[in-house]
Protein backbone atom coordinates (compact mmCIF):
# COMPACT_ATOMS: atom_id res chain seq x y z
CA MET A 1 0.00 0.00 0.00
CA ARG A 2 1.31 3.46 -0.93
CA GLU A 3 0.22 6.94 -0.07
CA SER A 4 0.58 9.76 -2.57
CA ALA A 5 -0.28 13.44 -2.05
CA GLY A 6 -2.60 12.62 0.82
CA THR A 7 -4.58 10.13 -1.27
CA GLU A 8 -4.51 6.43 -0.46
CA GLU A 9 -3.56 4.19 -3.37
CA LYS A 10 -3.42 0.41 -3.18
CA GLU A 11 -2.47 -2.57 -5.33
CA LEU A 12 -3.61 -6.10 -4.66
CA LEU A 13 -4.18 -9.48 -6.25
CA GLU A 14 -7.91 -10.01 -6.29
CA LYS A 15 -9.51 -13.47 -6.43
CA GLU A 16 -13.27 -13.75 -6.56
CA VAL A 17 -16.22 -15.83 -7.69
CA LYS A 18 -19.90 -15.03 -8.15
CA HIS A 19 -23.06 -17.06 -7.65
CA ARG A 20 -26.45 -16.12 -9.02
CA LEU A 21 -29.23 -16.26 -6.41
CA LYS A 22 -32.18 -17.84 -8.12
CA ASP A 23 -35.09 -16.18 -6.28
CA ARG A 24 -36.02 -13.99 -3.32
CA GLU A 25 -36.18 -17.04 -1.07
CA GLU A 26 -32.52 -17.82 -1.77
CA VAL A 27 -31.58 -14.15 -1.30
CA THR A 28 -33.23 -14.18 2.13
CA ARG A 29 -31.60 -17.49 3.07
CA VAL A 30 -28.08 -16.38 2.14
CA ARG A 31 -28.45 -12.95 3.78
CA SER A 32 -29.76 -14.52 7.00
CA ARG A 33 -26.88 -16.99 7.03
CA LEU A 34 -24.35 -14.19 6.51
CA LYS A 35 -25.85 -12.14 9.33
CA SER A 36 -25.72 -15.12 11.69
CA MET A 37 -22.04 -15.73 10.83
CA CYS A 38 -20.77 -12.16 10.43
CA GLY A 39 -23.25 -9.89 12.17
CA PRO A 40 -24.77 -6.91 10.35
CA ALA A 41 -23.35 -5.88 7.00
CA ALA A 42 -20.21 -3.78 7.37
CA GLU A 43 -21.54 -1.54 4.62
CA LYS A 44 -24.57 -1.12 2.37
CA ALA A 45 -24.32 1.32 -0.50
CA PHE A 46 -25.86 2.27 -3.83
CA GLU A 47 -23.16 2.46 -6.49
CA GLU A 48 -22.78 3.86 -9.98
CA ASN A 49 -19.96 2.23 -11.92
CA THR A 50 -18.65 3.53 -15.25
CA TRP A 51 -15.97 1.78 -17.29
CA TYR A 52 -13.76 3.70 -19.71
CA GLU A 53 -11.83 2.07 -22.53
CA SER A 54 -8.91 3.05 -24.72
CA GLY A 55 -7.35 1.10 -27.58
CA THR A 56 -8.55 -1.69 -29.84
CA PRO A 57 -10.96 -4.34 -28.44
CA GLY A 58 -8.24 -6.99 -28.38
CA GLY A 59 -5.72 -4.75 -26.66
CA ALA A 60 -7.99 -2.34 -24.83
CA ARG A 61 -7.06 -0.72 -21.55
CA ARG A 62 -9.98 -0.30 -19.15
CA VAL A 63 -10.44 1.72 -15.98
CA ARG A 64 -13.48 2.15 -13.75
CA LEU A 65 -14.86 5.18 -11.95
CA ARG A 66 -17.16 4.30 -9.05
CA ARG A 67 -19.50 6.65 -7.22
CA GLY A 68 -20.48 5.16 -3.86
CA SER A 69 -19.75 5.46 -0.16
CA VAL A 70 -16.15 5.98 -1.35
CA ASN A 71 -15.40 7.27 -4.85
CA THR A 72 -12.63 5.33 -6.59
CA LEU A 73 -10.66 5.04 -9.81
CA THR A 74 -9.60 1.43 -10.49
CA TYR A 75 -7.50 -0.40 -13.06
CA LYS A 76 -7.74 -4.20 -13.29
CA GLU A 77 -5.52 -6.59 -15.21
CA ALA A 78 -6.50 -10.22 -15.74
CA VAL A 79 -4.23 -13.01 -14.48
CA GLU A 80 -4.60 -16.61 -15.64
CA THR A 81 -4.81 -19.22 -12.88
CA GLN A 82 -5.85 -22.86 -12.48
CA ASP A 83 -7.96 -22.42 -9.33
CA ARG A 84 -11.32 -21.57 -10.98
CA THR A 85 -11.41 -18.03 -9.64
CA LYS A 86 -11.55 -14.70 -11.45
CA THR A 87 -8.08 -13.36 -10.66
CA ARG A 88 -6.88 -9.85 -11.41
CA ILE A 89 -4.20 -7.41 -10.38
CA GLU A 90 -5.97 -4.34 -9.11
CA HIS A 91 -4.75 -0.78 -8.67
CA SER A 92 -7.24 1.49 -6.91
CA VAL A 93 -7.14 5.07 -5.67
CA GLU A 94 -9.74 7.24 -3.95
CA VAL A 95 -10.81 10.35 -5.85
CA ASP A 96 -12.45 13.47 -4.46
CA ASP A 97 -13.79 14.85 -7.74
CA LEU A 98 -15.32 12.30 -10.11
CA GLU A 99 -16.11 14.88 -12.78
CA GLN A 100 -12.50 16.01 -12.91
CA ALA A 101 -11.35 12.38 -13.05
CA ARG A 102 -13.79 11.76 -15.91
CA ASP A 103 -12.51 14.80 -17.82
CA ILE A 104 -8.92 13.61 -17.41
CA LEU A 105 -9.78 10.16 -18.76
CA LEU A 106 -11.56 11.64 -21.79
CA LYS A 107 -8.62 13.95 -22.54
CA LEU A 108 -6.29 10.94 -22.34
CA GLY A 109 -8.29 9.24 -25.09
CA PHE A 110 -10.55 6.99 -23.01
CA ASP A 111 -14.20 6.61 -24.03
CA GLU A 112 -17.09 5.66 -21.79
CA SER A 113 -17.90 2.03 -22.64
CA PHE A 114 -20.24 0.68 -19.96
CA HIS A 115 -22.30 2.00 -17.06
CA TYR A 116 -24.17 0.02 -14.42
CA GLU A 117 -25.82 0.48 -11.04
CA ARG A 118 -26.00 -1.86 -8.10
CA VAL A 119 -26.81 -2.03 -4.41
CA ARG A 120 -24.05 -3.81 -2.48
CA GLU A 121 -24.05 -5.17 1.08
CA THR A 122 -20.58 -6.18 2.29
CA PHE A 123 -19.88 -8.74 5.00
CA GLN A 124 -16.46 -9.65 6.39
CA ARG A 125 -15.46 -13.08 7.73
CA SER A 126 -12.06 -14.72 8.36
CA GLY A 127 -10.07 -13.41 5.42
CA ALA A 128 -13.01 -13.26 3.00
CA ALA A 129 -15.25 -10.43 1.86
CA VAL A 130 -18.76 -11.51 0.87
CA CYS A 131 -20.99 -9.11 -1.04
CA MET A 132 -24.72 -9.38 -1.62
CA ASP A 133 -25.22 -7.55 -4.92
CA ARG A 134 -28.64 -6.48 -6.17
CA MET A 135 -28.26 -5.74 -9.88
CA PRO A 136 -30.97 -4.53 -12.26
CA PHE A 137 -30.82 -7.98 -13.91
CA GLY A 138 -30.73 -10.18 -10.80
CA ASP A 139 -29.27 -10.93 -7.39
CA PHE A 140 -25.77 -12.30 -6.85
CA VAL A 141 -23.36 -13.11 -4.08
CA GLU A 142 -19.68 -12.36 -4.71
CA ILE A 143 -16.96 -13.95 -2.57
CA GLU A 144 -13.46 -12.48 -2.51
CA GLY A 145 -10.48 -14.10 -0.79
CA GLY A 146 -7.98 -16.90 -1.25
CA PRO A 147 -9.08 -20.18 -2.86
CA GLU A 148 -9.50 -21.88 0.53
CA GLU A 149 -11.51 -19.00 1.99
CA ILE A 150 -13.76 -18.91 -1.07
CA ALA A 151 -14.39 -22.68 -0.90
CA ARG A 152 -15.13 -22.47 2.84
CA MET A 153 -17.63 -19.64 2.37
CA GLU A 154 -19.37 -21.50 -0.45
CA LYS A 155 -19.80 -24.49 1.85
CA GLU A 156 -21.05 -22.40 4.76
CA LEU A 157 -23.55 -20.58 2.53
CA GLY A 158 -24.74 -23.73 0.77
CA LEU A 159 -23.50 -22.62 -2.66
CA ASP A 160 -22.46 -25.19 -5.26
CA PRO A 161 -18.84 -24.64 -6.46
CA GLU A 162 -19.86 -26.13 -9.80
CA GLU A 163 -22.13 -23.10 -10.32
CA ARG A 164 -19.38 -20.50 -9.96
CA ILE A 165 -19.63 -17.54 -12.32
CA LEU A 166 -16.32 -16.04 -13.46
CA GLU A 167 -17.75 -13.40 -15.83
CA SER A 168 -17.72 -9.75 -14.80
CA TYR A 169 -20.88 -7.75 -14.20
CA MET A 170 -20.04 -5.93 -17.43
CA GLU A 171 -20.25 -9.20 -19.34
CA LEU A 172 -23.32 -10.48 -17.49
CA GLY A 173 -25.15 -7.17 -17.78
CA SER A 174 -24.38 -6.73 -21.48
CA HIS A 175 -25.70 -10.19 -22.31
CA ALA A 176 -28.84 -9.71 -20.18
CA ALA A 177 -29.59 -6.32 -21.73
CA ALA A 178 -29.04 -7.52 -25.28
CA ALA A 179 -31.45 -10.40 -24.66
CA ARG A 180 -34.12 -7.83 -23.75
CA GLY A 181 -33.36 -5.54 -26.65
CA LEU A 182 -31.85 -2.90 -24.36
CA ASP A 183 -28.67 -0.88 -24.72
CA PRO A 184 -25.99 -3.38 -23.63
CA HIS A 185 -23.77 -0.52 -22.40
CA LEU A 186 -26.23 1.06 -19.95
CA ILE A 187 -27.65 -1.00 -17.07
CA THR A 188 -29.76 1.01 -14.61
CA PHE A 189 -32.60 0.10 -12.27
CA SER A 190 -34.97 2.65 -13.84
CA LEU A 191 -34.46 1.40 -17.40
CA TRP A 192 -34.80 -2.22 -16.32
CA ALA A 193 -37.96 -1.51 -14.32
CA ARG A 194 -39.63 0.18 -17.30
CA THR A 195 -38.84 -2.80 -19.50
CA THR A 196 -40.04 -5.29 -16.89
CA ALA A 197 -43.32 -3.42 -16.54
CA THR A 198 -44.05 -3.91 -20.26
CA ASP A 199 -43.23 -7.64 -20.31
């Protein structure tokens, strides 16, 4: 961890998996189990996440601006592993002014490529962070930690390791939106609700 000009910047190796929660009953079951193991959520926040991209699709560089309880600028780089986790090197820094950060990215040649909203509840337990994520297109639980911690949390929460999801929310959201005939680059609760109401 480094500090620069009074702003905290950090780099870490991130390992995570996702599981889709099939219905409200499963959401309630997993949340109740998390509360019994971890106590109340350490944090619950509404987030707006915007990805910016520069370069060709095959060699694109991507960064994310997040508006939430803490505003951050993040760069992630994929790492190949054999442990059936989504593994990335992550560089993240807090930002005070998201509009200024956005303007800098645009002047550097980045273009806005994807925007999504979510509500995230974060629980902490024994070296693992577990997030209950309500997305416009469904409910998910995301487990971040080492391979052993992830496997232990899956067992404790009654989640099948064979049903791990390694795609990003960008990938999942784009596919879900395209299937509904929506803009695959813009995933918001209001747009999704209007579409659901006309189904």
